[in-house]
Amino acid sequence: MNRTKIVTVSKALPEFSSETKDILPFVNEWLREQDERFRRKVVKIFEGAAVDRRYGIMPVQEVFTGTSFEEKNRLYAQASKKLGSEALRSALDSAGWSPDSLDYIITVSCTGIMIPSLDAYLINELGLRQDVVRLPVTEMGCAAGVSGLIYAHNFLKSNPNKRIALVAVECPTATFQLDDYSMANMVSAAIFGDGAACVLLSSEAEAPGPAILGEAMFHFRNATHLMGFDLVNTGLKMILDPAVPETIATFFPDIVHPFLEKHGSGIENVNHLIFHPGGRKIVQTVEELFGSLGKNIDDTREVLRLYGNMSSVTVLYVLKRFMDRNISEGEQGMVLSFGPGFSAQRVLLGW
């Protein structure tokens, strides 16, 4: 069987960014006609979200200005093409790959709608081959970055000497609902930010980087209500059930231990935890669970602080932090992400 190697990871960020403290006046103005206690509660959610800064495809004042779904989606499509191109070009430059050497392109996004999907534009923009295989991954939310790694691995392990680009672009600011005063909208507004990433993977024998040793998906039964979007006239309305951290905690042993055992490993052999930062409460829950096993998710917490939750993109930023280090041969890392479905996606890496 061929080995899948992760060759490089790149980032791309939109031009606008704000510190959380600078967003609070806009939050107060937005909620000025709401109950005082409610307003104070929402401000506390922002202050306690463990996000210092987030990036956006529009200035913060525009986020808090009412526009149509059509206009928001136009901004999403425009930004996706720009950020996706930047991330892919940066990754190709870093690896020394030419665009026409790619055999397969996977694009990941859930925060807007584009038909044709982003990959079609990237083929034209960067000059990819006309026979490149396209796979757009949508509607999988925060788990889709890891889903993309799994789909790439499943292709590469059966096809020697092939190259794949996985491009993830998310613009949650384009989904913000100005007239939705639900707690789900408040929490998502407090934690989400925009960004893009690209991962290059290869089944070439001489390819550098950690190898994918195993992967798996875990689907929670009867949990479709926990997370996702409702499509309403004003756009994509966030669904976020407060039971998510508790659900993760309940199933955590079933998600982690059998997966590692199946691939001849165990939590004691995992040196690096590459976990998606869904939000402060999820990070705290998983931190306690891994902490009891003698592990830490410091990089996850730091990515949340610096960028917020960029949906599918975020775990790839955590992965990049590990790719940029000199990790000793023989060490292992586990990539873990949760998303709508409800589902958990896992990948085991070996350096």
Protein backbone atom coordinates (compact mmCIF):
# COMPACT_ATOMS: atom_id res chain seq x y z
CA MET A 1 0.00 0.00 0.00
CA ASN A 2 1.17 3.55 -0.77
CA ARG A 3 1.85 5.96 2.08
CA THR A 4 0.11 9.32 2.19
CA LYS A 5 2.40 12.15 3.28
CA ILE A 6 1.33 15.62 4.37
CA VAL A 7 3.88 17.77 2.57
CA THR A 8 2.96 21.30 3.63
CA VAL A 9 0.20 23.49 5.09
CA SER A 10 -0.36 27.15 4.21
CA LYS A 11 -2.63 29.89 5.58
CA ALA A 12 -4.46 32.84 4.02
CA LEU A 13 -6.32 35.51 5.96
CA PRO A 14 -8.69 38.29 4.82
CA GLU A 15 -7.58 41.91 5.02
CA PHE A 16 -9.81 43.03 7.89
CA SER A 17 -9.24 42.09 11.53
CA SER A 18 -10.45 43.25 14.94
CA GLU A 19 -9.60 42.59 18.55
CA THR A 20 -12.57 41.44 20.61
CA LYS A 21 -12.39 44.57 22.80
CA ASP A 22 -12.90 46.72 19.69
CA ILE A 23 -15.97 44.70 18.63
CA LEU A 24 -17.79 45.23 21.96
CA PRO A 25 -19.03 48.79 21.16
CA PHE A 26 -20.68 47.39 18.00
CA VAL A 27 -22.25 44.58 20.05
CA ASN A 28 -23.64 47.08 22.56
CA GLU A 29 -25.05 49.25 19.77
CA TRP A 30 -26.57 46.21 18.04
CA LEU A 31 -28.31 45.14 21.28
CA ARG A 32 -29.21 48.61 22.53
CA GLU A 33 -32.99 47.93 22.40
CA GLN A 34 -32.65 44.55 24.11
CA ASP A 35 -33.04 43.92 27.83
CA GLU A 36 -30.09 45.29 29.85
CA ARG A 37 -29.39 41.94 31.56
CA PHE A 38 -29.41 40.17 28.21
CA ARG A 39 -26.99 42.72 26.76
CA ARG A 40 -24.59 42.31 29.69
CA LYS A 41 -24.77 38.53 29.33
CA VAL A 42 -23.88 38.71 25.62
CA VAL A 43 -20.94 41.06 26.30
CA LYS A 44 -19.68 38.54 28.90
CA ILE A 45 -19.95 35.77 26.28
CA PHE A 46 -17.72 37.82 23.94
CA GLU A 47 -15.27 38.66 26.76
CA GLY A 48 -15.10 35.04 27.91
CA ALA A 49 -14.88 33.44 24.47
CA ALA A 50 -11.06 33.02 24.66
CA VAL A 51 -10.78 34.80 21.28
CA ASP A 52 -8.50 37.86 21.27
CA ARG A 53 -8.70 38.61 17.54
CA ARG A 54 -10.54 37.41 14.47
CA TYR A 55 -10.30 38.18 10.76
CA GLY A 56 -13.14 39.06 8.43
CA ILE A 57 -13.95 39.48 4.74
CA MET A 58 -15.62 42.80 5.62
CA PRO A 59 -14.98 45.54 8.19
CA VAL A 60 -16.66 44.99 11.58
CA GLN A 61 -19.15 47.83 10.99
CA GLU A 62 -20.38 46.07 7.85
CA VAL A 63 -20.86 42.81 9.77
CA PHE A 64 -23.33 44.69 12.00
CA THR A 65 -25.14 46.28 9.03
CA GLY A 66 -28.22 44.59 7.62
CA THR A 67 -27.75 43.28 4.05
CA SER A 68 -29.47 40.68 1.90
CA PHE A 69 -28.51 37.02 1.64
CA GLU A 70 -27.64 37.75 -2.00
CA GLU A 71 -25.14 40.46 -1.00
CA LYS A 72 -23.58 38.35 1.78
CA ASN A 73 -23.17 35.39 -0.55
CA ARG A 74 -21.63 37.61 -3.23
CA LEU A 75 -19.00 38.74 -0.70
CA TYR A 76 -18.45 35.11 0.34
CA ALA A 77 -17.88 33.97 -3.27
CA GLN A 78 -15.57 36.88 -4.06
CA ALA A 79 -13.49 36.34 -0.90
CA SER A 80 -13.40 32.55 -1.35
CA LYS A 81 -11.82 32.86 -4.79
CA LYS A 82 -9.21 35.33 -3.50
CA LEU A 83 -8.35 33.48 -0.28
CA GLY A 84 -8.45 30.04 -1.92
CA SER A 85 -6.05 31.19 -4.66
CA GLU A 86 -3.69 32.76 -2.09
CA ALA A 87 -3.63 29.63 0.10
CA LEU A 88 -3.10 27.25 -2.84
CA ARG A 89 -0.41 29.40 -4.47
CA SER A 90 1.43 29.78 -1.15
CA ALA A 91 1.39 26.01 -0.52
CA LEU A 92 2.60 25.18 -4.04
CA ASP A 93 5.44 27.71 -3.71
CA SER A 94 6.41 26.26 -0.33
CA ALA A 95 6.54 22.69 -1.71
CA GLY A 96 8.16 23.69 -5.01
CA TRP A 97 5.27 22.09 -6.92
CA SER A 98 3.95 23.46 -10.21
CA PRO A 99 0.14 23.89 -10.40
CA ASP A 100 -0.07 21.44 -13.31
CA SER A 101 1.50 18.69 -11.20
CA LEU A 102 -1.69 18.33 -9.13
CA ASP A 103 -3.78 15.23 -9.86
CA TYR A 104 -6.68 15.98 -7.53
CA ILE A 105 -8.18 19.05 -5.85
CA ILE A 106 -10.51 18.97 -2.85
CA THR A 107 -12.24 22.18 -1.78
CA VAL A 108 -13.97 22.52 1.58
CA SER A 109 -16.52 25.16 2.64
CA CYS A 110 -19.93 25.46 4.32
CA THR A 111 -20.43 29.20 4.92
CA GLY A 112 -21.83 30.14 1.50
CA ILE A 113 -23.04 28.71 -1.78
CA MET A 114 -21.11 28.59 -5.06
CA ILE A 115 -22.02 26.68 -8.22
CA PRO A 116 -19.63 25.96 -9.86
CA SER A 117 -17.71 25.27 -6.67
CA LEU A 118 -14.45 26.96 -5.71
CA ASP A 119 -12.24 24.28 -7.32
CA ALA A 120 -13.46 25.24 -10.82
CA TYR A 121 -12.23 28.81 -10.32
CA LEU A 122 -8.89 27.63 -8.88
CA ILE A 123 -8.30 25.45 -11.96
CA ASN A 124 -8.58 28.54 -14.16
CA GLU A 125 -6.82 30.96 -11.82
CA LEU A 126 -3.71 28.84 -11.22
CA GLY A 127 -3.62 26.85 -14.45
CA LEU A 128 -4.29 23.36 -13.11
CA ARG A 129 -4.50 20.50 -15.59
CA GLN A 130 -7.71 19.97 -17.52
CA ASP A 131 -7.92 16.37 -16.29
CA VAL A 132 -7.48 17.23 -12.59
CA VAL A 133 -10.07 15.41 -10.44
CA ARG A 134 -12.40 17.71 -8.46
CA LEU A 135 -14.10 16.99 -5.12
CA PRO A 136 -16.03 19.82 -3.44
CA VAL A 137 -16.85 19.01 0.21
CA THR A 138 -19.77 21.01 1.59
CA GLU A 139 -22.25 20.89 4.47
CA MET A 140 -19.86 19.13 6.86
CA GLY A 141 -19.06 22.22 8.95
CA CYS A 142 -16.16 22.22 11.39
CA ALA A 143 -15.33 18.56 10.71
CA ALA A 144 -14.77 19.05 6.98
CA GLY A 145 -11.06 19.92 7.16
CA VAL A 146 -10.34 16.49 8.62
CA SER A 147 -12.90 14.92 6.26
CA GLY A 148 -10.85 16.36 3.38
CA LEU A 149 -7.68 14.73 4.77
CA ILE A 150 -9.55 11.39 4.94
CA TYR A 151 -10.84 11.65 1.35
CA ALA A 152 -7.34 12.60 0.14
CA HIS A 153 -5.79 9.63 1.95
CA ASN A 154 -8.34 7.19 0.55
CA PHE A 155 -7.43 8.28 -2.99
CA LEU A 156 -3.66 8.37 -2.44
CA LYS A 157 -3.32 5.00 -0.71
CA SER A 158 -4.66 3.38 -3.88
CA ASN A 159 -2.79 5.58 -6.37
CA PRO A 160 1.03 5.84 -6.30
CA ASN A 161 2.93 8.99 -7.31
CA LYS A 162 -0.07 11.31 -7.10
CA ARG A 163 -0.49 14.80 -5.64
CA ILE A 164 -3.54 16.39 -3.98
CA ALA A 165 -4.35 19.92 -2.85
CA LEU A 166 -6.94 20.31 -0.10
CA VAL A 167 -8.18 23.93 0.04
CA ALA A 168 -10.50 25.02 2.88
CA VAL A 169 -12.12 28.47 2.89
CA GLU A 170 -14.68 29.68 5.43
CA CYS A 171 -16.37 33.08 5.91
CA PRO A 172 -18.65 32.77 8.97
CA THR A 173 -19.03 36.58 9.12
CA ALA A 174 -21.15 36.26 5.95
CA THR A 175 -23.61 34.08 7.91
CA PHE A 176 -24.12 36.47 10.87
CA GLN A 177 -27.84 37.07 11.48
CA LEU A 178 -28.58 40.63 12.62
CA ASP A 179 -32.18 39.89 13.67
CA ASP A 180 -31.51 36.61 15.47
CA TYR A 181 -31.22 37.10 19.24
CA SER A 182 -30.91 33.39 20.06
CA MET A 183 -28.06 32.18 22.25
CA ALA A 184 -26.76 30.12 19.30
CA ASN A 185 -26.29 33.31 17.28
CA MET A 186 -24.68 35.12 20.22
CA VAL A 187 -22.17 32.33 20.88
CA SER A 188 -21.31 31.88 17.19
CA ALA A 189 -20.82 35.65 16.76
CA ALA A 190 -18.45 35.61 19.75
CA ILE A 191 -16.25 32.75 18.52
CA PHE A 192 -16.22 32.67 14.71
CA GLY A 193 -13.79 34.30 12.28
CA ASP A 194 -12.85 33.98 8.59
CA GLY A 195 -9.82 32.32 7.04
CA ALA A 196 -8.42 29.82 4.55
CA ALA A 197 -5.84 27.02 4.48
CA CYS A 198 -4.31 24.64 1.98
CA VAL A 199 -2.79 21.21 2.66
CA LEU A 200 -0.69 19.44 0.03
CA LEU A 201 -0.60 15.63 0.22
CA SER A 202 1.35 13.11 -1.84
CA SER A 203 1.75 9.35 -2.38
CA GLU A 204 5.22 9.80 -3.93
CA ALA A 205 7.80 7.58 -2.22
CA GLU A 206 10.23 10.49 -1.71
CA ALA A 207 7.60 12.98 -0.44
CA PRO A 208 8.55 14.65 2.86
CA GLY A 209 6.33 15.12 5.91
CA PRO A 210 4.36 13.00 8.37
CA ALA A 211 2.49 9.94 7.05
CA ILE A 212 -1.19 9.23 7.60
CA LEU A 213 -1.20 5.96 9.57
CA GLY A 214 -4.96 5.68 9.88
CA GLU A 215 -8.25 7.56 9.66
CA ALA A 216 -11.88 7.06 10.66
CA MET A 217 -15.22 8.81 11.03
CA PHE A 218 -17.58 8.37 13.98
CA HIS A 219 -21.26 9.23 13.53
CA PHE A 220 -23.40 9.96 16.58
CA ARG A 221 -26.89 8.52 16.25
CA ASN A 222 -29.94 10.81 16.38
CA ALA A 223 -27.83 13.93 16.89
CA THR A 224 -28.56 15.94 13.72
CA HIS A 225 -30.11 18.66 15.90
CA LEU A 226 -26.86 19.51 17.70
CA MET A 227 -25.12 21.66 15.09
CA GLY A 228 -25.61 23.11 11.62
CA PHE A 229 -27.38 25.85 9.67
CA ASP A 230 -31.01 26.54 8.84
CA LEU A 231 -31.40 28.19 5.44
CA VAL A 232 -33.70 31.19 6.01
CA ASN A 233 -34.54 34.21 3.84
CA THR A 234 -31.70 36.21 5.42
CA GLY A 235 -29.08 33.50 4.90
CA LEU A 236 -27.57 30.70 6.95
CA LYS A 237 -28.87 30.71 10.53
CA MET A 238 -26.68 28.98 13.11
CA ILE A 239 -27.83 25.91 15.03
CA LEU A 240 -25.65 25.25 18.08
CA ASP A 241 -27.00 23.13 20.91
CA PRO A 242 -25.53 23.78 24.38
CA ALA A 243 -25.35 19.98 24.87
CA VAL A 244 -22.40 19.66 22.42
CA PRO A 245 -19.56 19.67 25.03
CA GLU A 246 -21.43 17.16 27.21
CA THR A 247 -22.09 14.90 24.19
CA ILE A 248 -18.40 14.96 23.28
CA ALA A 249 -17.43 14.10 26.87
CA THR A 250 -19.89 11.16 26.99
CA PHE A 251 -18.60 9.56 23.79
CA PHE A 252 -14.95 10.59 24.14
CA PRO A 253 -13.59 7.13 25.13
CA ASP A 254 -15.48 5.51 22.21
CA ILE A 255 -14.07 8.10 19.81
CA VAL A 256 -10.41 7.93 20.86
CA HIS A 257 -9.35 4.54 22.24
CA PRO A 258 -10.81 2.00 19.75
CA PHE A 259 -9.54 4.17 16.87
CA LEU A 260 -5.97 4.18 18.19
CA GLU A 261 -6.08 0.47 19.03
CA LYS A 262 -7.29 -0.35 15.50
CA HIS A 263 -4.14 1.30 14.12
CA GLY A 264 -1.76 -0.38 16.55
CA SER A 265 -1.37 2.63 18.83
CA GLY A 266 -2.71 4.01 22.10
CA ILE A 267 -3.09 7.36 23.79
CA GLU A 268 0.26 6.79 25.54
CA ASN A 269 1.94 6.74 22.10
CA VAL A 270 0.32 9.96 20.88
CA ASN A 271 2.76 12.83 21.40
CA HIS A 272 0.80 15.61 19.68
CA LEU A 273 -2.90 16.45 19.86
CA ILE A 274 -4.11 18.39 16.82
CA PHE A 275 -7.62 19.26 17.97
CA HIS A 276 -10.16 21.60 16.36
CA PRO A 277 -11.02 24.52 18.71
CA GLY A 278 -14.82 24.60 18.44
CA GLY A 279 -15.14 27.17 21.23
CA ARG A 280 -14.02 27.80 24.79
CA LYS A 281 -16.37 25.26 26.41
CA ILE A 282 -15.49 22.50 23.93
CA VAL A 283 -11.78 23.27 24.37
CA GLN A 284 -12.16 23.13 28.17
CA THR A 285 -14.09 19.85 27.98
CA VAL A 286 -11.53 18.16 25.73
CA GLU A 287 -8.63 19.71 27.66
CA GLU A 288 -9.92 18.08 30.86
CA LEU A 289 -10.41 14.74 29.12
CA PHE A 290 -6.93 14.77 27.54
CA GLY A 291 -5.40 16.33 30.66
CA SER A 292 -6.50 13.32 32.69
CA LEU A 293 -4.51 11.25 30.17
CA GLY A 294 -1.41 13.41 30.65
CA LYS A 295 -1.76 15.36 27.38
CA ASN A 296 -2.25 19.03 26.48
CA ILE A 297 -3.98 20.97 23.68
CA ASP A 298 -2.06 24.24 24.10
CA ASP A 299 -1.80 24.79 20.34
CA THR A 300 -5.56 24.42 19.95
CA ARG A 301 -6.18 27.06 22.60
CA GLU A 302 -3.65 29.39 20.98
CA VAL A 303 -5.22 29.10 17.50
CA LEU A 304 -8.64 29.93 19.01
CA ARG A 305 -7.12 32.97 20.73
CA LEU A 306 -5.38 34.29 17.61
CA TYR A 307 -8.04 33.61 14.95
CA GLY A 308 -11.29 32.41 16.50
CA ASN A 309 -13.13 29.39 15.12
CA MET A 310 -12.85 29.43 11.30
CA SER A 311 -15.01 26.30 10.98
CA SER A 312 -13.31 23.62 8.80
CA VAL A 313 -10.15 25.74 8.39
CA THR A 314 -9.21 25.98 12.08
CA VAL A 315 -7.84 22.49 12.69
CA LEU A 316 -5.57 22.96 9.66
CA TYR A 317 -4.06 26.03 11.40
CA VAL A 318 -3.37 23.82 14.42
CA LEU A 319 -1.82 21.23 12.08
CA LYS A 320 0.41 23.92 10.55
CA ARG A 321 1.87 24.74 13.99
CA PHE A 322 3.07 21.12 14.24
CA MET A 323 4.27 21.01 10.62
CA ASP A 324 6.44 24.07 11.33
CA ARG A 325 8.26 22.31 14.20
CA ASN A 326 11.13 19.88 14.17
CA ILE A 327 9.28 16.79 15.38
CA SER A 328 11.33 13.68 16.12
CA GLU A 329 11.02 10.63 13.91
CA GLY A 330 8.73 7.98 15.40
CA GLU A 331 6.44 10.46 17.16
CA GLN A 332 2.69 10.39 16.53
CA GLY A 333 -0.06 12.99 16.30
CA MET A 334 -3.83 12.64 16.35
CA VAL A 335 -6.00 15.07 14.40
CA LEU A 336 -9.53 15.33 15.81
CA SER A 337 -12.52 17.44 14.79
CA PHE A 338 -16.26 17.49 15.48
CA GLY A 339 -19.00 18.74 13.19
CA PRO A 340 -22.66 18.61 12.12
CA GLY A 341 -24.17 15.18 11.84
CA PHE A 342 -23.12 14.96 14.69
CA SER A 343 -19.75 13.44 13.82
CA ALA A 344 -16.13 13.09 14.90
CA GLN A 345 -13.34 12.74 12.32
CA ARG A 346 -9.93 11.37 13.27
CA VAL A 347 -6.55 11.01 11.54
CA LEU A 348 -3.42 9.41 13.04
CA LEU A 349 -0.11 10.86 11.85
CA GLY A 350 3.37 9.38 12.15
CA TRP A 351 6.60 11.36 11.72
